[in-house]
Protein backbone atom coordinates (compact mmCIF):
# COMPACT_ATOMS: atom_id res chain seq x y z
CA MET A 1 80.03 49.06 -152.39
CA THR A 2 83.28 51.93 -152.39
CA ALA A 3 84.40 53.10 -149.27
CA ASP A 4 86.26 56.38 -149.89
CA ALA A 5 89.86 56.04 -148.78
CA THR A 6 91.42 56.95 -146.25
CA PHE A 7 94.81 58.06 -144.43
CA GLU A 8 95.52 54.63 -143.63
CA ASP A 9 95.53 53.12 -147.18
CA GLY A 10 98.72 55.39 -147.87
CA ARG A 11 100.59 53.81 -145.15
CA GLU A 12 104.91 55.17 -146.54
CA ARG A 13 104.03 56.48 -150.02
CA PRO A 14 105.43 59.19 -151.22
CA LEU A 15 101.51 61.79 -151.29
CA ASN A 16 101.15 63.03 -154.89
CA LEU A 17 97.30 64.79 -155.17
CA GLY A 18 96.10 66.62 -157.54
CA ALA A 19 93.00 69.50 -156.93
CA LEU A 20 90.86 70.45 -159.63
CA ASP A 21 88.60 72.55 -157.28
CA ALA A 22 88.23 74.41 -153.48
CA ASP A 23 87.77 71.17 -151.79
CA ASP A 24 90.33 69.39 -153.44
CA LEU A 25 92.49 72.23 -152.59
CA SER A 26 91.39 72.58 -149.06
CA VAL A 27 92.53 69.11 -148.60
CA ILE A 28 95.92 69.90 -149.81
CA SER A 29 96.13 72.64 -147.74
CA SER A 30 95.94 70.98 -144.72
CA LEU A 31 98.73 68.91 -146.34
CA ALA A 32 100.93 72.24 -146.85
CA GLN A 33 100.04 74.00 -143.76
CA ASP A 34 103.10 74.61 -141.55
CA ALA A 35 105.45 74.07 -144.28
CA VAL A 36 108.71 76.00 -144.48
CA PHE A 37 110.31 77.59 -147.56
CA PRO A 38 113.18 79.36 -148.19
CA ILE A 39 112.18 82.20 -150.72
CA THR A 40 114.60 81.54 -152.73
CA GLU A 41 112.81 78.28 -153.41
CA MET A 42 109.44 80.07 -155.40
CA LYS A 43 109.87 80.20 -159.69
CA TRP A 44 107.61 81.56 -161.59
CA ALA A 45 107.68 79.89 -165.01
CA ILE A 46 105.93 82.62 -167.03
CA ARG A 47 106.61 81.28 -170.37
CA GLN A 48 104.84 77.76 -168.67
CA ARG A 49 101.89 79.94 -166.86
CA ARG A 50 104.17 77.79 -163.57
CA PHE A 51 103.85 79.15 -160.36
CA ALA A 52 106.31 75.75 -158.00
CA VAL A 53 107.19 76.63 -154.64
CA LEU A 54 110.04 73.55 -152.57
CA LEU A 55 108.18 73.18 -149.28
CA ASN A 56 109.69 71.14 -146.50
CA ARG A 57 106.29 69.90 -144.63
CA PHE A 58 105.13 68.72 -141.90
CA ARG A 59 102.99 65.34 -142.12
CA TRP A 60 99.59 65.87 -140.51
CA GLU A 61 99.20 62.35 -141.97
CA ASP A 62 100.57 60.12 -139.62
CA ASP A 63 99.00 62.63 -136.74
CA ALA A 64 95.91 60.63 -138.68
CA ARG A 65 97.31 57.50 -138.63
CA THR A 66 98.56 57.51 -134.40
CA ALA A 67 97.22 59.16 -131.39
CA GLN A 68 100.28 61.43 -131.08
CA PRO A 69 103.47 59.72 -133.63
CA ALA A 70 106.95 59.16 -131.81
CA GLN A 71 109.04 61.31 -133.14
CA PRO A 72 107.70 64.60 -135.64
CA GLU A 73 108.77 64.52 -139.22
CA ARG A 74 108.69 66.92 -142.52
CA VAL A 75 109.42 65.76 -146.77
CA GLN A 76 110.09 68.18 -148.64
CA ALA A 77 107.89 68.73 -151.08
CA LEU A 78 106.71 70.39 -154.56
CA LEU A 79 103.22 72.42 -154.70
CA SER A 80 102.88 73.47 -158.29
CA PHE A 81 99.96 75.56 -159.81
CA ASP A 82 98.51 75.16 -163.72
CA THR A 83 96.58 77.59 -166.18
CA VAL A 84 98.29 81.27 -163.69
CA LEU A 85 98.45 84.09 -165.55
CA GLU A 86 100.43 86.53 -162.24
CA VAL A 87 102.26 86.60 -159.13
CA ALA A 88 101.89 89.01 -156.95
CA SER A 89 102.91 89.53 -153.32
CA GLN A 90 102.01 91.64 -149.49
CA GLY A 91 104.08 91.81 -146.42
CA ILE A 92 106.92 89.55 -148.51
CA ASP A 93 110.98 91.09 -148.74
CA ARG A 94 111.57 89.33 -151.64
CA SER A 95 114.82 90.89 -151.58
CA ASP A 96 116.53 89.28 -149.02
CA ARG A 97 117.24 85.85 -149.97
CA ASP A 98 117.92 84.65 -146.59
CA THR A 99 113.88 84.85 -145.61
CA VAL A 100 112.40 81.91 -143.80
CA LEU A 101 108.49 81.47 -145.02
CA SER A 102 105.56 79.06 -143.42
CA LEU A 103 102.67 78.33 -144.27
CA LEU A 104 99.45 78.86 -143.20
CA SER A 105 96.82 78.13 -145.83
CA ILE A 106 96.33 78.16 -149.41
CA THR A 107 92.33 79.51 -151.05
CA PHE A 108 91.00 80.07 -153.76
CA GLU A 109 89.01 83.11 -154.47
CA PRO A 110 87.04 82.92 -157.65
CA THR A 111 85.98 85.29 -160.64
CA THR A 112 84.11 84.83 -163.53
CA ASP A 113 84.22 80.98 -165.18
CA GLY A 114 86.22 79.17 -163.15
CA ALA A 115 89.15 81.91 -163.03
CA GLY A 116 89.85 83.06 -159.52
CA HIS A 117 93.00 84.53 -157.02
CA ILE A 118 94.80 81.41 -154.91
CA LEU A 119 95.91 83.15 -151.99
CA LEU A 120 98.38 81.25 -149.60
CA THR A 121 98.96 82.73 -146.63
CA LEU A 122 102.44 82.82 -144.63
CA ALA A 123 102.52 83.98 -141.60
CA GLY A 124 103.18 86.75 -140.53
CA ASP A 125 100.84 88.78 -142.41
CA GLY A 126 102.67 88.01 -145.62
CA VAL A 127 100.42 86.12 -149.24
CA ILE A 128 101.33 85.36 -152.45
CA ARG A 129 98.42 85.86 -154.66
CA LEU A 130 97.97 83.98 -158.26
CA THR A 131 95.52 85.13 -160.38
CA VAL A 132 94.50 81.94 -162.53
CA GLU A 133 92.23 80.37 -165.58
CA ALA A 134 90.90 77.72 -163.24
CA ILE A 135 91.92 75.70 -160.36
CA GLU A 136 95.22 73.12 -161.30
CA ALA A 137 97.65 72.55 -158.36
CA THR A 138 99.15 69.44 -157.56
CA LEU A 139 101.50 68.66 -154.02
CA LYS A 140 103.85 66.14 -154.22
CA ASP A 141 106.11 64.62 -152.31
CA VAL A 142 110.65 64.39 -153.68
CA THR A 143 111.88 63.10 -150.89
CA ARG A 144 111.98 60.22 -147.86
CA PRO A 145 110.25 61.74 -144.83
CA TYR A 146 113.39 63.02 -142.46
CA LEU A 147 112.70 63.94 -138.23
CA ALA A 148 111.39 67.41 -138.16
CA PRO A 149 114.27 69.42 -137.08
CA SER A 150 112.45 70.96 -133.97
CA LYS A 151 111.66 67.28 -133.04
CA SER A 152 107.92 69.08 -132.38
CA ARG A 153 104.90 69.86 -134.18
CA PRO A 154 103.54 73.42 -135.09
CA ARG A 155 101.30 74.90 -132.39
CA HIS A 156 99.33 78.51 -132.85
CA PRO A 157 98.18 80.20 -130.41
CA ASP A 158 94.61 80.17 -129.52
């Protein structure tokens, strides 16, 4: 009999996760929640049909290992989506190069035959909509963890 993997199995290894369905995408969403990134770190490679963003993600997996982590950490991570046909945004001033965005969630709205829209919901009522042929997403840590500049966990009002 095999057991499901736990956060403890990951230890200090960088995350490298893939998503091929809505359930997988919800796991990536939970790990990317409260990630922040400058608007300049979003890229859409039209010919490759790939959308990617370099995030400063809060390491929520630390909370699963201990009751209260001693020092909250962030890590830079690459969040990418393949089979992207179109990218649209709402509530974001893409001309303001100094804007820093905060990711709240990633969800999928199916249309037909596995295609649909991936929604990256941002704090402040912003959203990025990716029209995709299918869910093909990855979240990969690309740096070592560092002390969160705020020295605290992200909080959401009730």
